[in-house]
C-alpha atoms as a PDB file:
ATOM      1  CA  ARG A   1       1.835 -32.112 -16.302  1.00  0.00           C
ATOM      2  CA  VAL A   2       2.123 -28.416 -17.084  1.00  0.00           C
ATOM      3  CA  SER A   3       4.840 -26.003 -15.951  1.00  0.00           C
ATOM      4  CA  LEU A   4       4.027 -22.395 -15.104  1.00  0.00           C
ATOM      5  CA  LEU A   5       6.458 -19.456 -15.070  1.00  0.00           C
ATOM      6  CA  PHE A   6       5.562 -16.103 -13.528  1.00  0.00           C
ATOM      7  CA  MET A   7       7.521 -12.926 -14.306  1.00  0.00           C
ATOM      8  CA  GLY A   8       7.558  -9.255 -13.466  1.00  0.00           C
ATOM      9  CA  ASP A   9       7.303  -6.536 -12.756  1.00  0.00           C
ATOM     10  CA  ILE A  10       7.984  -5.476 -16.358  1.00  0.00           C
ATOM     11  CA  MET A  11       8.413  -1.689 -16.293  1.00  0.00           C
ATOM     12  CA  GLY A  12       9.899   1.028 -18.465  1.00  0.00           C
ATOM     13  CA  HIS A  13      11.848   3.807 -16.810  1.00  0.00           C
ATOM     14  CA  ASP A  14      13.208   6.749 -18.819  1.00  0.00           C
ATOM     15  CA  THR A  15      16.655   5.173 -19.166  1.00  0.00           C
ATOM     16  CA  GLN A  16      15.132   1.912 -20.417  1.00  0.00           C
ATOM     17  CA  ILE A  17      13.043   3.750 -22.996  1.00  0.00           C
ATOM     18  CA  ARG A  18      16.119   5.620 -24.233  1.00  0.00           C
ATOM     19  CA  SER A  19      18.188   2.443 -24.440  1.00  0.00           C
ATOM     20  CA  ALA A  20      15.551   0.816 -26.657  1.00  0.00           C
ATOM     21  CA  GLU A  21      15.323   3.754 -29.063  1.00  0.00           C
ATOM     22  CA  ASP A  22      16.955   3.917 -32.470  1.00  0.00           C
ATOM     23  CA  ARG A  23      17.648   7.666 -32.641  1.00  0.00           C
ATOM     24  CA  GLN A  24      17.790   7.732 -36.438  1.00  0.00           C
ATOM     25  CA  THR A  25      14.545   5.917 -37.202  1.00  0.00           C
ATOM     26  CA  ARG A  26      12.757   6.896 -33.967  1.00  0.00           C
ATOM     27  CA  THR A  27      11.707   3.264 -33.531  1.00  0.00           C
ATOM     28  CA  TYR A  28      12.066   1.030 -30.470  1.00  0.00           C
ATOM     29  CA  ASN A  29      13.299  -2.510 -29.925  1.00  0.00           C
ATOM     30  CA  TYR A  30      13.478  -4.373 -26.607  1.00  0.00           C
ATOM     31  CA  ASP A  31      14.486  -7.818 -27.883  1.00  0.00           C
ATOM     32  CA  ASP A  32      17.908  -7.774 -26.217  1.00  0.00           C
ATOM     33  CA  VAL A  33      16.279  -7.189 -22.808  1.00  0.00           C
ATOM     34  CA  PHE A  34      15.065 -10.798 -22.827  1.00  0.00           C
ATOM     35  CA  GLU A  35      18.046 -12.312 -24.649  1.00  0.00           C
ATOM     36  CA  HIS A  36      19.567 -14.151 -21.697  1.00  0.00           C
ATOM     37  CA  ILE A  37      16.308 -15.401 -20.172  1.00  0.00           C
ATOM     38  CA  ARG A  38      14.596 -16.411 -23.422  1.00  0.00           C
ATOM     39  CA  PRO A  39      15.702 -20.068 -22.962  1.00  0.00           C
ATOM     40  CA  VAL A  40      14.238 -20.099 -19.440  1.00  0.00           C
ATOM     41  CA  ILE A  41      10.955 -18.681 -20.690  1.00  0.00           C
ATOM     42  CA  SER A  42      10.748 -21.163 -23.539  1.00  0.00           C
ATOM     43  CA  GLU A  43      11.213 -24.088 -21.160  1.00  0.00           C
ATOM     44  CA  ALA A  44       7.916 -23.297 -19.419  1.00  0.00           C
ATOM     45  CA  ASP A  45       4.632 -24.515 -20.874  1.00  0.00           C
ATOM     46  CA  ILE A  46       2.890 -21.288 -19.817  1.00  0.00           C
ATOM     47  CA  ALA A  47       4.754 -18.030 -19.086  1.00  0.00           C
ATOM     48  CA  ILE A  48       2.754 -15.201 -17.500  1.00  0.00           C
ATOM     49  CA  ALA A  49       4.108 -11.712 -16.773  1.00  0.00           C
ATOM     50  CA  ASN A  50       2.881  -8.549 -15.081  1.00  0.00           C
ATOM     51  CA  LEU A  51       3.078  -5.605 -17.493  1.00  0.00           C
ATOM     52  CA  GLU A  52       3.387  -2.584 -15.222  1.00  0.00           C
ATOM     53  CA  VAL A  53       3.261   0.162 -17.826  1.00  0.00           C
ATOM     54  CA  THR A  54       0.602   1.570 -20.094  1.00  0.00           C
ATOM     55  CA  LEU A  55       0.974   1.401 -23.862  1.00  0.00           C
ATOM     56  CA  ALA A  56      -0.612   4.811 -24.235  1.00  0.00           C
ATOM     57  CA  GLY A  57       1.576   6.127 -27.026  1.00  0.00           C
ATOM     58  CA  PRO A  58       3.919   9.159 -26.951  1.00  0.00           C
ATOM     59  CA  PRO A  59       5.177  11.032 -25.083  1.00  0.00           C
ATOM     60  CA  TYR A  60       6.896   7.912 -23.705  1.00  0.00           C
ATOM     61  CA  LYS A  61       7.759   8.348 -20.058  1.00  0.00           C
ATOM     62  CA  GLY A  62       8.899   6.407 -17.040  1.00  0.00           C
ATOM     63  CA  TYR A  63       8.207   7.079 -13.374  1.00  0.00           C
ATOM     64  CA  PRO A  64       5.812   8.195 -11.998  1.00  0.00           C
ATOM     65  CA  GLN A  65       3.240   7.793 -14.800  1.00  0.00           C
ATOM     66  CA  PHE A  66       4.442   5.190 -17.249  1.00  0.00           C
ATOM     67  CA  SER A  67       3.847   4.952 -20.996  1.00  0.00           C
ATOM     68  CA  SER A  68       6.089   2.627 -22.989  1.00  0.00           C
ATOM     69  CA  PRO A  69       6.291   1.859 -26.718  1.00  0.00           C
ATOM     70  CA  ALA A  70       4.229  -1.126 -27.817  1.00  0.00           C
ATOM     71  CA  ALA A  71       7.558  -2.660 -28.876  1.00  0.00           C
ATOM     72  CA  LEU A  72       8.023  -3.643 -25.220  1.00  0.00           C
ATOM     73  CA  ALA A  73       4.941  -5.872 -25.355  1.00  0.00           C
ATOM     74  CA  ALA A  74       6.017  -7.221 -28.743  1.00  0.00           C
ATOM     75  CA  ALA A  75       9.366  -8.207 -27.219  1.00  0.00           C
ATOM     76  CA  CYS A  76       7.508  -9.986 -24.403  1.00  0.00           C
ATOM     77  CA  ARG A  77       5.548 -11.952 -26.981  1.00  0.00           C
ATOM     78  CA  ASP A  78       8.626 -12.741 -29.074  1.00  0.00           C
ATOM     79  CA  ALA A  79      10.526 -13.889 -25.973  1.00  0.00           C
ATOM     80  CA  GLY A  80       7.894 -16.561 -25.395  1.00  0.00           C
ATOM     81  CA  ILE A  81       5.672 -14.921 -22.781  1.00  0.00           C
ATOM     82  CA  ASP A  82       2.195 -16.363 -23.341  1.00  0.00           C
ATOM     83  CA  CYS A  83       0.046 -13.752 -21.611  1.00  0.00           C
ATOM     84  CA  LEU A  84       0.246 -10.517 -19.642  1.00  0.00           C
ATOM     85  CA  VAL A  85      -1.651  -9.317 -16.596  1.00  0.00           C
ATOM     86  CA  THR A  86      -2.407  -5.592 -16.602  1.00  0.00           C
ATOM     87  CA  ALA A  87      -4.152  -4.789 -13.290  1.00  0.00           C
ATOM     88  CA  ASN A  88      -1.590  -2.958 -11.150  1.00  0.00           C
ATOM     89  CA  ASN A  89      -1.045   0.385  -9.460  1.00  0.00           C
ATOM     90  CA  HIS A  90       0.101   1.948 -12.755  1.00  0.00           C
ATOM     91  CA  SER A  91      -2.887   0.805 -14.866  1.00  0.00           C
ATOM     92  CA  ALA A  92      -4.471   4.273 -14.817  1.00  0.00           C
ATOM     93  CA  ASP A  93      -1.265   6.297 -15.231  1.00  0.00           C
ATOM     94  CA  ARG A  94      -2.486   7.779 -18.528  1.00  0.00           C
ATOM     95  CA  GLY A  95      -6.172   7.868 -17.654  1.00  0.00           C
ATOM     96  CA  GLY A  96      -8.927   6.188 -19.597  1.00  0.00           C
ATOM     97  CA  LYS A  97      -7.091   6.693 -22.880  1.00  0.00           C
ATOM     98  CA  GLY A  98      -4.122   4.752 -21.536  1.00  0.00           C
ATOM     99  CA  ILE A  99      -6.210   1.844 -20.253  1.00  0.00           C
ATOM    100  CA  ARG A 100      -8.024   1.567 -23.562  1.00  0.00           C
ATOM    101  CA  ALA A 101      -4.895   1.973 -25.698  1.00  0.00           C
ATOM    102  CA  THR A 102      -3.069  -0.728 -23.704  1.00  0.00           C
ATOM    103  CA  ILE A 103      -5.915  -3.177 -24.286  1.00  0.00           C
ATOM    104  CA  PHE A 104      -6.133  -2.392 -28.011  1.00  0.00           C
ATOM    105  CA  ARG A 105      -2.371  -2.584 -28.560  1.00  0.00           C
ATOM    106  CA  LEU A 106      -2.112  -5.946 -26.792  1.00  0.00           C
ATOM    107  CA  ASP A 107      -5.032  -7.216 -28.887  1.00  0.00           C
ATOM    108  CA  SER A 108      -3.353  -6.004 -32.077  1.00  0.00           C
ATOM    109  CA  LEU A 109      -0.173  -7.874 -31.099  1.00  0.00           C
ATOM    110  CA  GLY A 110      -2.145 -11.052 -30.500  1.00  0.00           C
ATOM    111  CA  MET A 111      -1.037 -11.082 -26.865  1.00  0.00           C
ATOM    112  CA  PRO A 112      -3.602 -12.599 -24.471  1.00  0.00           C
ATOM    113  CA  HIS A 113      -4.134 -10.464 -21.376  1.00  0.00           C
ATOM    114  CA  THR A 114      -6.388  -9.967 -18.386  1.00  0.00           C
ATOM    115  CA  GLY A 115      -6.947  -7.557 -15.500  1.00  0.00           C
ATOM    116  CA  THR A 116      -8.211  -4.472 -17.373  1.00  0.00           C
ATOM    117  CA  PHE A 117     -11.255  -4.260 -19.636  1.00  0.00           C
ATOM    118  CA  THR A 118     -13.050  -1.772 -21.868  1.00  0.00           C
ATOM    119  CA  ASP A 119     -16.374  -2.233 -20.014  1.00  0.00           C
ATOM    120  CA  PRO A 120     -18.111  -4.526 -17.490  1.00  0.00           C
ATOM    121  CA  GLY A 121     -19.623  -6.628 -20.279  1.00  0.00           C
ATOM    122  CA  SER A 122     -16.182  -7.389 -21.708  1.00  0.00           C
ATOM    123  CA  ARG A 123     -14.962  -8.241 -18.223  1.00  0.00           C
ATOM    124  CA  ASP A 124     -17.762 -10.737 -17.727  1.00  0.00           C
ATOM    125  CA  LYS A 125     -17.179 -12.333 -21.135  1.00  0.00           C
ATOM    126  CA  GLN A 126     -13.383 -12.438 -21.085  1.00  0.00           C
ATOM    127  CA  GLN A 127     -12.783 -13.402 -17.459  1.00  0.00           C
ATOM    128  CA  PRO A 128     -11.314 -15.710 -16.342  1.00  0.00           C
ATOM    129  CA  LEU A 129      -8.632 -15.946 -19.017  1.00  0.00           C
ATOM    130  CA  MET A 130      -8.522 -19.642 -19.908  1.00  0.00           C
ATOM    131  CA  ILE A 131      -5.202 -21.137 -21.020  1.00  0.00           C
ATOM    132  CA  GLU A 132      -4.779 -24.774 -22.051  1.00  0.00           C
ATOM    133  CA  ARG A 133      -1.559 -26.753 -22.500  1.00  0.00           C
ATOM    134  CA  ASN A 134      -0.942 -30.500 -22.574  1.00  0.00           C
ATOM    135  CA  GLY A 135      -4.637 -31.101 -21.995  1.00  0.00           C
ATOM    136  CA  ILE A 136      -4.543 -29.129 -18.727  1.00  0.00           C
ATOM    137  CA  SER A 137      -6.629 -25.970 -18.316  1.00  0.00           C
ATOM    138  CA  VAL A 138      -5.636 -22.931 -16.253  1.00  0.00           C
ATOM    139  CA  ALA A 139      -8.090 -20.180 -15.246  1.00  0.00           C
ATOM    140  CA  LEU A 140      -6.223 -16.906 -14.649  1.00  0.00           C
ATOM    141  CA  LEU A 141      -7.598 -13.987 -12.594  1.00  0.00           C
ATOM    142  CA  ASN A 142      -5.734 -10.717 -11.928  1.00  0.00           C
ATOM    143  CA  TYR A 143      -6.372  -7.895  -9.427  1.00  0.00           C
ATOM    144  CA  THR A 144      -4.611  -4.858  -7.945  1.00  0.00           C
ATOM    145  CA  TYR A 145      -4.760  -3.219  -4.524  1.00  0.00           C
ATOM    146  CA  GLY A 146      -5.251   0.183  -6.199  1.00  0.00           C
ATOM    147  CA  THR A 147      -4.209   2.624  -8.933  1.00  0.00           C
ATOM    148  CA  ASN A 148      -2.156   5.175  -6.956  1.00  0.00           C
ATOM    149  CA  GLY A 149      -5.316   7.173  -6.278  1.00  0.00           C
ATOM    150  CA  LEU A 150      -5.935   7.789  -9.985  1.00  0.00           C
ATOM    151  CA  PRO A 151      -9.558   7.337 -11.084  1.00  0.00           C
ATOM    152  CA  VAL A 152     -10.659   4.675 -13.559  1.00  0.00           C
ATOM    153  CA  PRO A 153     -13.192   6.387 -15.844  1.00  0.00           C
ATOM    154  CA  SER A 154     -16.445   4.548 -16.541  1.00  0.00           C
ATOM    155  CA  PRO A 155     -17.104   2.221 -18.321  1.00  0.00           C
ATOM    156  CA  LEU A 156     -13.479   1.026 -18.165  1.00  0.00           C
ATOM    157  CA  VAL A 157     -12.613  -1.638 -15.590  1.00  0.00           C
ATOM    158  CA  VAL A 158      -9.430  -2.253 -13.624  1.00  0.00           C
ATOM    159  CA  ASN A 159      -9.904  -5.306 -11.414  1.00  0.00           C
ATOM    160  CA  MET A 160      -9.633  -4.222  -7.782  1.00  0.00           C
ATOM    161  CA  LEU A 161      -8.572  -6.571  -5.010  1.00  0.00           C
ATOM    162  CA  ASP A 162     -11.876  -6.866  -3.176  1.00  0.00           C
ATOM    163  CA  ARG A 163     -12.388 -10.040  -1.137  1.00  0.00           C
ATOM    164  CA  GLU A 164     -16.041 -10.493  -2.094  1.00  0.00           C
ATOM    165  CA  ARG A 165     -15.468  -9.701  -5.769  1.00  0.00           C
ATOM    166  CA  VAL A 166     -12.576 -12.153  -6.022  1.00  0.00           C
ATOM    167  CA  THR A 167     -14.626 -14.818  -4.231  1.00  0.00           C
ATOM    168  CA  GLN A 168     -17.438 -14.368  -6.758  1.00  0.00           C
ATOM    169  CA  ASP A 169     -14.973 -14.609  -9.638  1.00  0.00           C
ATOM    170  CA  ILE A 170     -13.443 -17.783  -8.216  1.00  0.00           C
ATOM    171  CA  SER A 171     -16.941 -19.298  -8.048  1.00  0.00           C
ATOM    172  CA  LYS A 172     -17.567 -18.315 -11.670  1.00  0.00           C
ATOM    173  CA  ALA A 173     -14.213 -19.796 -12.712  1.00  0.00           C
ATOM    174  CA  LYS A 174     -15.023 -23.077 -10.952  1.00  0.00           C
ATOM    175  CA  GLU A 175     -18.105 -23.434 -13.173  1.00  0.00           C
ATOM    176  CA  LEU A 176     -15.737 -23.722 -16.172  1.00  0.00           C
ATOM    177  CA  ASN A 177     -14.152 -26.768 -14.505  1.00  0.00           C
ATOM    178  CA  PRO A 178     -10.473 -25.750 -14.936  1.00  0.00           C
ATOM    179  CA  ASP A 179      -7.724 -27.974 -13.601  1.00  0.00           C
ATOM    180  CA  ILE A 180      -6.388 -25.038 -11.572  1.00  0.00           C
ATOM    181  CA  ILE A 181      -7.388 -21.458 -10.759  1.00  0.00           C
ATOM    182  CA  VAL A 182      -4.490 -18.982 -10.509  1.00  0.00           C
ATOM    183  CA  LEU A 183      -4.809 -15.601  -8.797  1.00  0.00           C
ATOM    184  CA  PHE A 184      -2.171 -13.054  -9.851  1.00  0.00           C
ATOM    185  CA  LEU A 185      -2.443 -10.316  -7.210  1.00  0.00           C
ATOM    186  CA  HIS A 186      -0.705  -6.942  -7.295  1.00  0.00           C
ATOM    187  CA  TRP A 187      -0.294  -6.214  -3.600  1.00  0.00           C
ATOM    188  CA  GLY A 188       2.037  -5.975  -0.615  1.00  0.00           C
ATOM    189  CA  THR A 189       4.762  -3.519   0.352  1.00  0.00           C
ATOM    190  CA  GLU A 190       7.541  -2.579  -2.042  1.00  0.00           C
ATOM    191  CA  TYR A 191      10.877  -4.206  -1.157  1.00  0.00           C
ATOM    192  CA  ASP A 192       9.426  -6.298   1.676  1.00  0.00           C
ATOM    193  CA  THR A 193      10.746  -9.828   1.155  1.00  0.00           C
ATOM    194  CA  ILE A 194       8.001 -11.563   3.132  1.00  0.00           C
ATOM    195  CA  PRO A 195       4.216 -11.213   2.845  1.00  0.00           C
ATOM    196  CA  SER A 196       2.325  -9.343   5.537  1.00  0.00           C
ATOM    197  CA  PRO A 197      -0.074 -11.111   7.928  1.00  0.00           C
ATOM    198  CA  GLN A 198      -2.941  -9.509   5.997  1.00  0.00           C
ATOM    199  CA  GLN A 199      -1.659 -10.990   2.741  1.00  0.00           C
ATOM    200  CA  GLU A 200      -1.236 -14.410   4.319  1.00  0.00           C
ATOM    201  CA  ASP A 201      -4.758 -14.251   5.735  1.00  0.00           C
ATOM    202  CA  MET A 202      -6.300 -13.232   2.415  1.00  0.00           C
ATOM    203  CA  ALA A 203      -4.277 -15.804   0.463  1.00  0.00           C
ATOM    204  CA  GLU A 204      -5.413 -18.600   2.793  1.00  0.00           C
ATOM    205  CA  TYR A 205      -9.003 -17.412   2.409  1.00  0.00           C
ATOM    206  CA  PHE A 206      -8.820 -17.480  -1.412  1.00  0.00           C
ATOM    207  CA  LEU A 207      -7.171 -20.910  -1.343  1.00  0.00           C
ATOM    208  CA  SER A 208     -10.011 -22.155   0.856  1.00  0.00           C
ATOM    209  CA  LYS A 209     -12.491 -20.865  -1.722  1.00  0.00           C
ATOM    210  CA  GLY A 210     -10.910 -22.809  -4.585  1.00  0.00           C
ATOM    211  CA  ALA A 211      -7.846 -20.942  -5.823  1.00  0.00           C
ATOM    212  CA  GLY A 212      -4.941 -23.297  -6.517  1.00  0.00           C
ATOM    213  CA  LEU A 213      -2.127 -20.728  -6.641  1.00  0.00           C
ATOM    214  CA  VAL A 214      -1.756 -17.175  -5.356  1.00  0.00           C
ATOM    215  CA  ILE A 215       1.029 -15.280  -7.127  1.00  0.00           C
ATOM    216  CA  GLY A 216       2.099 -11.833  -5.922  1.00  0.00           C
ATOM    217  CA  SER A 217       3.595  -8.903  -7.783  1.00  0.00           C
ATOM    218  CA  HIS A 218       4.424  -5.297  -6.791  1.00  0.00           C
ATOM    219  CA  PRO A 219       7.217  -5.524  -4.174  1.00  0.00           C
ATOM    220  CA  HIS A 220       9.973  -5.822  -6.871  1.00  0.00           C
ATOM    221  CA  VAL A 221      11.662  -8.603  -4.904  1.00  0.00           C
ATOM    222  CA  LEU A 222      11.212 -12.369  -4.975  1.00  0.00           C
END
């Protein structure tokens, strides 16, 4: 058996950035954000979260174009989150520099991630993200409905939620013979508590093609 925990959306509004700042040292610490749920996270064999900010460096800013200190991702790691998905409607908030910086900062923290890539070759090599616990393998794929109309400069890649593309990626994942394929999809309507008919239709289609779980983020409600 393996237990999976999905979290998000992890964001950083202006007030949250200020609350994490030590004004004297100009450093940031988000450890207390996860203090009360750390035991819940640690109980899961695999904890996966949607990181809905860029780690693009200063100036740090919240809505509408997010850039948070890398300390936020470090706190995710230290709280027991095993990997982050990064394809969402805020992936391109700070342009190509932000996409690239987010990838590099997560790599430097030793935090596995998927959804955004430095180039198509890296996408093909690094996707799906394979996670193994208790002798059980999980293939993780992550996509977003869009990037708020902001362009993704070539050769960078933000995985877009395209039915044919996802179907191809599921087929590729099946060749690795995982025990389960998980789709983490950034989609839907904010604050709607039930999926739309279009979401239900697409989810059923992906399940019929071999996905084992379809997990949704973006609406900010369960």
